[in-house]
Amino acid sequence: MPVEQPVVMIARTETESVTREPLLQLKNISKQFPGVRALDNVSLDIYPGEVLALIGENGAGKSTLLRVLNGDYAPDQGEIVFRGHPVAFASPADSHHSGIRVIYQEPEIVPEVSVAENIYVGEVPRRLGRFVDWRRLNADAHLLLQEVGVAEEIDPPKRRTCSALPNGKWWRSPAL
């Protein structure tokens, strides 16, 4: 029975040229689980400036493809090329350190910690190897929030928890 593959919707800005080198390439990615072939030779080139949407029926492999890219799953076959170099992500931390962030449809937020802590979950800056560097954490988070234009709405130095933010504001923190 053929595997229903995800459909990728691509929006390119007018200034983007397809002749440029892809920023990220997924080449012939396959992933199988017991009794299920989730991905079957999926290839995708992503260029700088693109906005992508993965669309498909339940079970089409959208989440599996993102989990391979994020380092949650290793592909059974295929290759990931990032910035012109083959990469193999053994974990989400590997993917994050390379500069890749996957934002899932249902963002995972820790409601009782600050926006800054949610942005840097698992990568909190430390002093002396043990202590959280709160000043750096909040300053770095504030810069990111300024970059996307929400620093006035969500201000990390106030150490406001995500649950204390007005409805609809908390979801933005993991997207940074």
C-alpha atoms as a PDB file:
ATOM      1  CA  MET A   1       0.000   0.000   0.000  1.00  0.00           C
ATOM      2  CA  PRO A   2       1.552   3.379  -0.962  1.00  0.00           C
ATOM      3  CA  VAL A   3       2.429   5.804   1.814  1.00  0.00           C
ATOM      4  CA  GLU A   4       0.523   9.113   1.761  1.00  0.00           C
ATOM      5  CA  GLN A   5       3.308  11.711   1.869  1.00  0.00           C
ATOM      6  CA  PRO A   6       2.969  15.204   3.340  1.00  0.00           C
ATOM      7  CA  VAL A   7       2.345  18.091   0.978  1.00  0.00           C
ATOM      8  CA  VAL A   8       4.654  21.078   1.357  1.00  0.00           C
ATOM      9  CA  MET A   9       3.306  24.564   0.712  1.00  0.00           C
ATOM     10  CA  ILE A  10       6.051  27.074  -0.132  1.00  0.00           C
ATOM     11  CA  ALA A  11       5.905  30.863  -0.230  1.00  0.00           C
ATOM     12  CA  ARG A  12       8.949  32.629  -1.643  1.00  0.00           C
ATOM     13  CA  THR A  13       9.542  36.342  -1.470  1.00  0.00           C
ATOM     14  CA  GLU A  14      10.002  38.004  -4.859  1.00  0.00           C
ATOM     15  CA  THR A  15      13.687  38.631  -4.157  1.00  0.00           C
ATOM     16  CA  GLU A  16      14.441  34.972  -3.474  1.00  0.00           C
ATOM     17  CA  SER A  17      15.954  33.058  -6.337  1.00  0.00           C
ATOM     18  CA  VAL A  18      15.665  29.327  -6.772  1.00  0.00           C
ATOM     19  CA  THR A  19      19.162  29.311  -8.282  1.00  0.00           C
ATOM     20  CA  ARG A  20      20.698  30.071  -4.878  1.00  0.00           C
ATOM     21  CA  GLU A  21      21.963  27.245  -2.736  1.00  0.00           C
ATOM     22  CA  PRO A  22      19.384  25.727  -0.384  1.00  0.00           C
ATOM     23  CA  LEU A  23      19.874  26.503   3.289  1.00  0.00           C
ATOM     24  CA  LEU A  24      18.536  23.090   4.254  1.00  0.00           C
ATOM     25  CA  GLN A  25      18.061  19.918   2.227  1.00  0.00           C
ATOM     26  CA  LEU A  26      16.318  16.725   3.204  1.00  0.00           C
ATOM     27  CA  LYS A  27      17.359  14.084   0.680  1.00  0.00           C
ATOM     28  CA  ASN A  28      15.490  10.797   0.264  1.00  0.00           C
ATOM     29  CA  ILE A  29      14.521  10.599   3.936  1.00  0.00           C
ATOM     30  CA  SER A  30      12.845   7.346   4.955  1.00  0.00           C
ATOM     31  CA  LYS A  31      11.674   6.289   8.385  1.00  0.00           C
ATOM     32  CA  GLN A  32       9.940   3.083   9.352  1.00  0.00           C
ATOM     33  CA  PHE A  33       8.366   1.964  12.600  1.00  0.00           C
ATOM     34  CA  PRO A  34       7.140  -1.572  13.331  1.00  0.00           C
ATOM     35  CA  GLY A  35       4.470  -2.212  10.714  1.00  0.00           C
ATOM     36  CA  VAL A  36       4.437   1.377   9.409  1.00  0.00           C
ATOM     37  CA  ARG A  37       6.527   3.164   6.798  1.00  0.00           C
ATOM     38  CA  ALA A  38       6.115   6.755   7.988  1.00  0.00           C
ATOM     39  CA  LEU A  39       8.392   8.369   5.370  1.00  0.00           C
ATOM     40  CA  ASP A  40       9.340   6.975   1.981  1.00  0.00           C
ATOM     41  CA  ASN A  41      12.169   8.816   0.171  1.00  0.00           C
ATOM     42  CA  VAL A  42      10.984  12.318   1.082  1.00  0.00           C
ATOM     43  CA  SER A  43      13.118  15.137  -0.347  1.00  0.00           C
ATOM     44  CA  LEU A  44      12.780  18.834   0.328  1.00  0.00           C
ATOM     45  CA  ASP A  45      14.964  21.875  -0.378  1.00  0.00           C
ATOM     46  CA  ILE A  46      14.473  24.953   1.793  1.00  0.00           C
ATOM     47  CA  TYR A  47      15.892  28.293   0.679  1.00  0.00           C
ATOM     48  CA  PRO A  48      16.583  31.405   2.780  1.00  0.00           C
ATOM     49  CA  GLY A  49      13.506  33.606   3.085  1.00  0.00           C
ATOM     50  CA  GLU A  50      10.978  30.830   2.557  1.00  0.00           C
ATOM     51  CA  VAL A  51       7.940  30.240   4.677  1.00  0.00           C
ATOM     52  CA  LEU A  52       6.827  26.624   4.607  1.00  0.00           C
ATOM     53  CA  ALA A  53       3.762  24.732   5.725  1.00  0.00           C
ATOM     54  CA  LEU A  54       3.611  20.944   5.859  1.00  0.00           C
ATOM     55  CA  ILE A  55       0.101  19.848   5.041  1.00  0.00           C
ATOM     56  CA  GLY A  56      -1.273  16.344   4.897  1.00  0.00           C
ATOM     57  CA  GLU A  57      -3.709  13.843   6.280  1.00  0.00           C
ATOM     58  CA  ASN A  58      -3.235  12.280   9.677  1.00  0.00           C
ATOM     59  CA  GLY A  59      -0.481   9.703   9.349  1.00  0.00           C
ATOM     60  CA  ALA A  60       1.070  11.327   6.268  1.00  0.00           C
ATOM     61  CA  GLY A  61       4.442  11.750   8.003  1.00  0.00           C
ATOM     62  CA  LYS A  62       4.482  15.483   8.754  1.00  0.00           C
ATOM     63  CA  SER A  63       5.430  15.118  12.406  1.00  0.00           C
ATOM     64  CA  THR A  64       7.873  12.312  11.669  1.00  0.00           C
ATOM     65  CA  LEU A  65       9.691  14.473   9.103  1.00  0.00           C
ATOM     66  CA  LEU A  66       9.973  17.317  11.621  1.00  0.00           C
ATOM     67  CA  ARG A  67      11.147  14.936  14.332  1.00  0.00           C
ATOM     68  CA  VAL A  68      13.898  13.666  12.011  1.00  0.00           C
ATOM     69  CA  LEU A  69      14.934  17.266  11.327  1.00  0.00           C
ATOM     70  CA  ASN A  70      14.821  18.078  15.043  1.00  0.00           C
ATOM     71  CA  GLY A  71      16.996  15.094  16.023  1.00  0.00           C
ATOM     72  CA  ASP A  72      14.237  13.212  17.849  1.00  0.00           C
ATOM     73  CA  TYR A  73      14.450  10.375  15.304  1.00  0.00           C
ATOM     74  CA  ALA A  74      17.345   9.255  13.138  1.00  0.00           C
ATOM     75  CA  PRO A  75      16.338   8.597   9.530  1.00  0.00           C
ATOM     76  CA  ASP A  76      16.564   4.980   8.411  1.00  0.00           C
ATOM     77  CA  GLN A  77      17.747   6.233   5.044  1.00  0.00           C
ATOM     78  CA  GLY A  78      18.617   9.574   3.490  1.00  0.00           C
ATOM     79  CA  GLU A  79      20.629  12.629   4.315  1.00  0.00           C
ATOM     80  CA  ILE A  80      20.197  16.066   5.870  1.00  0.00           C
ATOM     81  CA  VAL A  81      22.372  18.841   4.454  1.00  0.00           C
ATOM     82  CA  PHE A  82      22.498  22.135   6.356  1.00  0.00           C
ATOM     83  CA  ARG A  83      24.394  25.127   4.989  1.00  0.00           C
ATOM     84  CA  GLY A  84      26.088  22.898   2.418  1.00  0.00           C
ATOM     85  CA  HIS A  85      27.336  20.258   4.884  1.00  0.00           C
ATOM     86  CA  PRO A  86      25.867  16.849   5.704  1.00  0.00           C
ATOM     87  CA  VAL A  87      24.663  16.701   9.309  1.00  0.00           C
ATOM     88  CA  ALA A  88      23.368  13.970  11.597  1.00  0.00           C
ATOM     89  CA  PHE A  89      21.473  15.143  14.648  1.00  0.00           C
ATOM     90  CA  ALA A  90      21.693  12.687  17.537  1.00  0.00           C
ATOM     91  CA  SER A  91      19.353  14.794  19.675  1.00  0.00           C
ATOM     92  CA  PRO A  92      17.261  17.965  19.652  1.00  0.00           C
ATOM     93  CA  ALA A  93      20.192  19.700  21.389  1.00  0.00           C
ATOM     94  CA  ASP A  94      22.395  18.906  18.351  1.00  0.00           C
ATOM     95  CA  SER A  95      19.790  20.388  16.030  1.00  0.00           C
ATOM     96  CA  HIS A  96      19.374  23.482  18.225  1.00  0.00           C
ATOM     97  CA  HIS A  97      23.135  24.070  18.433  1.00  0.00           C
ATOM     98  CA  SER A  98      23.278  23.997  14.638  1.00  0.00           C
ATOM     99  CA  GLY A  99      20.621  26.706  14.488  1.00  0.00           C
ATOM    100  CA  ILE A 100      17.565  24.616  13.635  1.00  0.00           C
ATOM    101  CA  ARG A 101      14.406  25.031  15.706  1.00  0.00           C
ATOM    102  CA  VAL A 102      11.222  23.131  15.053  1.00  0.00           C
ATOM    103  CA  ILE A 103       8.018  24.742  16.240  1.00  0.00           C
ATOM    104  CA  TYR A 104       5.256  22.218  16.645  1.00  0.00           C
ATOM    105  CA  GLN A 105       1.569  22.906  16.152  1.00  0.00           C
ATOM    106  CA  GLU A 106       1.007  22.587  19.888  1.00  0.00           C
ATOM    107  CA  PRO A 107       3.849  24.538  21.510  1.00  0.00           C
ATOM    108  CA  GLU A 108       5.136  23.126  24.760  1.00  0.00           C
ATOM    109  CA  ILE A 109       5.145  25.879  27.351  1.00  0.00           C
ATOM    110  CA  VAL A 110       6.072  25.583  31.004  1.00  0.00           C
ATOM    111  CA  PRO A 111       3.425  27.963  32.385  1.00  0.00           C
ATOM    112  CA  GLU A 112       4.981  28.548  35.806  1.00  0.00           C
ATOM    113  CA  VAL A 113       8.374  29.802  34.607  1.00  0.00           C
ATOM    114  CA  SER A 114       9.301  33.021  32.866  1.00  0.00           C
ATOM    115  CA  VAL A 115       9.125  33.747  29.164  1.00  0.00           C
ATOM    116  CA  ALA A 116      12.949  33.938  29.107  1.00  0.00           C
ATOM    117  CA  GLU A 117      13.214  30.483  30.693  1.00  0.00           C
ATOM    118  CA  ASN A 118      10.742  29.080  28.134  1.00  0.00           C
ATOM    119  CA  ILE A 119      12.735  30.575  25.255  1.00  0.00           C
ATOM    120  CA  TYR A 120      15.983  29.033  26.504  1.00  0.00           C
ATOM    121  CA  VAL A 121      14.602  25.822  28.008  1.00  0.00           C
ATOM    122  CA  GLY A 122      17.459  23.319  28.129  1.00  0.00           C
ATOM    123  CA  GLU A 123      19.983  26.012  27.181  1.00  0.00           C
ATOM    124  CA  VAL A 124      19.841  28.445  30.101  1.00  0.00           C
ATOM    125  CA  PRO A 125      23.095  30.457  30.321  1.00  0.00           C
ATOM    126  CA  ARG A 126      25.107  29.675  33.423  1.00  0.00           C
ATOM    127  CA  ARG A 127      27.789  31.302  35.560  1.00  0.00           C
ATOM    128  CA  LEU A 128      30.536  29.189  37.048  1.00  0.00           C
ATOM    129  CA  GLY A 129      28.980  26.194  35.295  1.00  0.00           C
ATOM    130  CA  ARG A 130      26.195  25.830  37.881  1.00  0.00           C
ATOM    131  CA  PHE A 131      24.297  29.023  38.540  1.00  0.00           C
ATOM    132  CA  VAL A 132      21.711  30.504  36.194  1.00  0.00           C
ATOM    133  CA  ASP A 133      22.996  33.780  34.764  1.00  0.00           C
ATOM    134  CA  TRP A 134      19.682  35.638  35.167  1.00  0.00           C
ATOM    135  CA  ARG A 135      21.041  38.926  33.861  1.00  0.00           C
ATOM    136  CA  ARG A 136      22.283  37.353  30.610  1.00  0.00           C
ATOM    137  CA  LEU A 137      19.197  35.138  30.257  1.00  0.00           C
ATOM    138  CA  ASN A 138      16.836  38.107  30.522  1.00  0.00           C
ATOM    139  CA  ALA A 139      18.983  40.383  28.335  1.00  0.00           C
ATOM    140  CA  ASP A 140      19.283  37.758  25.571  1.00  0.00           C
ATOM    141  CA  ALA A 141      15.560  37.012  25.703  1.00  0.00           C
ATOM    142  CA  HIS A 142      14.741  40.728  25.617  1.00  0.00           C
ATOM    143  CA  LEU A 143      16.858  41.159  22.469  1.00  0.00           C
ATOM    144  CA  LEU A 144      15.019  38.284  20.768  1.00  0.00           C
ATOM    145  CA  LEU A 145      11.655  39.738  21.775  1.00  0.00           C
ATOM    146  CA  GLN A 146      12.693  43.139  20.404  1.00  0.00           C
ATOM    147  CA  GLU A 147      13.786  41.508  17.153  1.00  0.00           C
ATOM    148  CA  VAL A 148      10.295  40.107  16.566  1.00  0.00           C
ATOM    149  CA  GLY A 149       8.533  43.205  17.897  1.00  0.00           C
ATOM    150  CA  VAL A 150       6.934  41.884  21.082  1.00  0.00           C
ATOM    151  CA  ALA A 151       9.343  43.149  23.762  1.00  0.00           C
ATOM    152  CA  GLU A 152       6.821  45.698  25.043  1.00  0.00           C
ATOM    153  CA  GLU A 153       4.124  43.040  25.386  1.00  0.00           C
ATOM    154  CA  ILE A 154       6.329  40.354  26.950  1.00  0.00           C
ATOM    155  CA  ASP A 155       9.176  41.791  28.993  1.00  0.00           C
ATOM    156  CA  PRO A 156      11.517  39.113  30.452  1.00  0.00           C
ATOM    157  CA  PRO A 157      13.221  41.383  33.015  1.00  0.00           C
ATOM    158  CA  LYS A 158       9.891  41.530  34.850  1.00  0.00           C
ATOM    159  CA  ARG A 159      10.234  37.725  35.326  1.00  0.00           C
ATOM    160  CA  ARG A 160       6.575  37.339  34.603  1.00  0.00           C
ATOM    161  CA  THR A 161       5.519  33.715  34.267  1.00  0.00           C
ATOM    162  CA  CYS A 162       3.886  32.595  31.061  1.00  0.00           C
ATOM    163  CA  SER A 163       0.686  31.828  32.954  1.00  0.00           C
ATOM    164  CA  ALA A 164       0.541  35.490  34.093  1.00  0.00           C
ATOM    165  CA  LEU A 165       0.611  36.812  30.523  1.00  0.00           C
ATOM    166  CA  PRO A 166      -2.616  37.895  28.834  1.00  0.00           C
ATOM    167  CA  ASN A 167      -4.286  35.164  26.760  1.00  0.00           C
ATOM    168  CA  GLY A 168      -2.664  34.683  23.381  1.00  0.00           C
ATOM    169  CA  LYS A 169       0.718  36.170  24.368  1.00  0.00           C
ATOM    170  CA  TRP A 170       2.372  33.113  25.947  1.00  0.00           C
ATOM    171  CA  TRP A 171       2.441  31.054  22.737  1.00  0.00           C
ATOM    172  CA  ARG A 172       5.033  33.343  21.163  1.00  0.00           C
ATOM    173  CA  SER A 173       7.871  32.443  23.510  1.00  0.00           C
ATOM    174  CA  PRO A 174       8.919  29.061  22.025  1.00  0.00           C
ATOM    175  CA  ALA A 175       8.869  30.487  18.490  1.00  0.00           C
ATOM    176  CA  LEU A 176      11.968  32.495  19.269  1.00  0.00           C
END
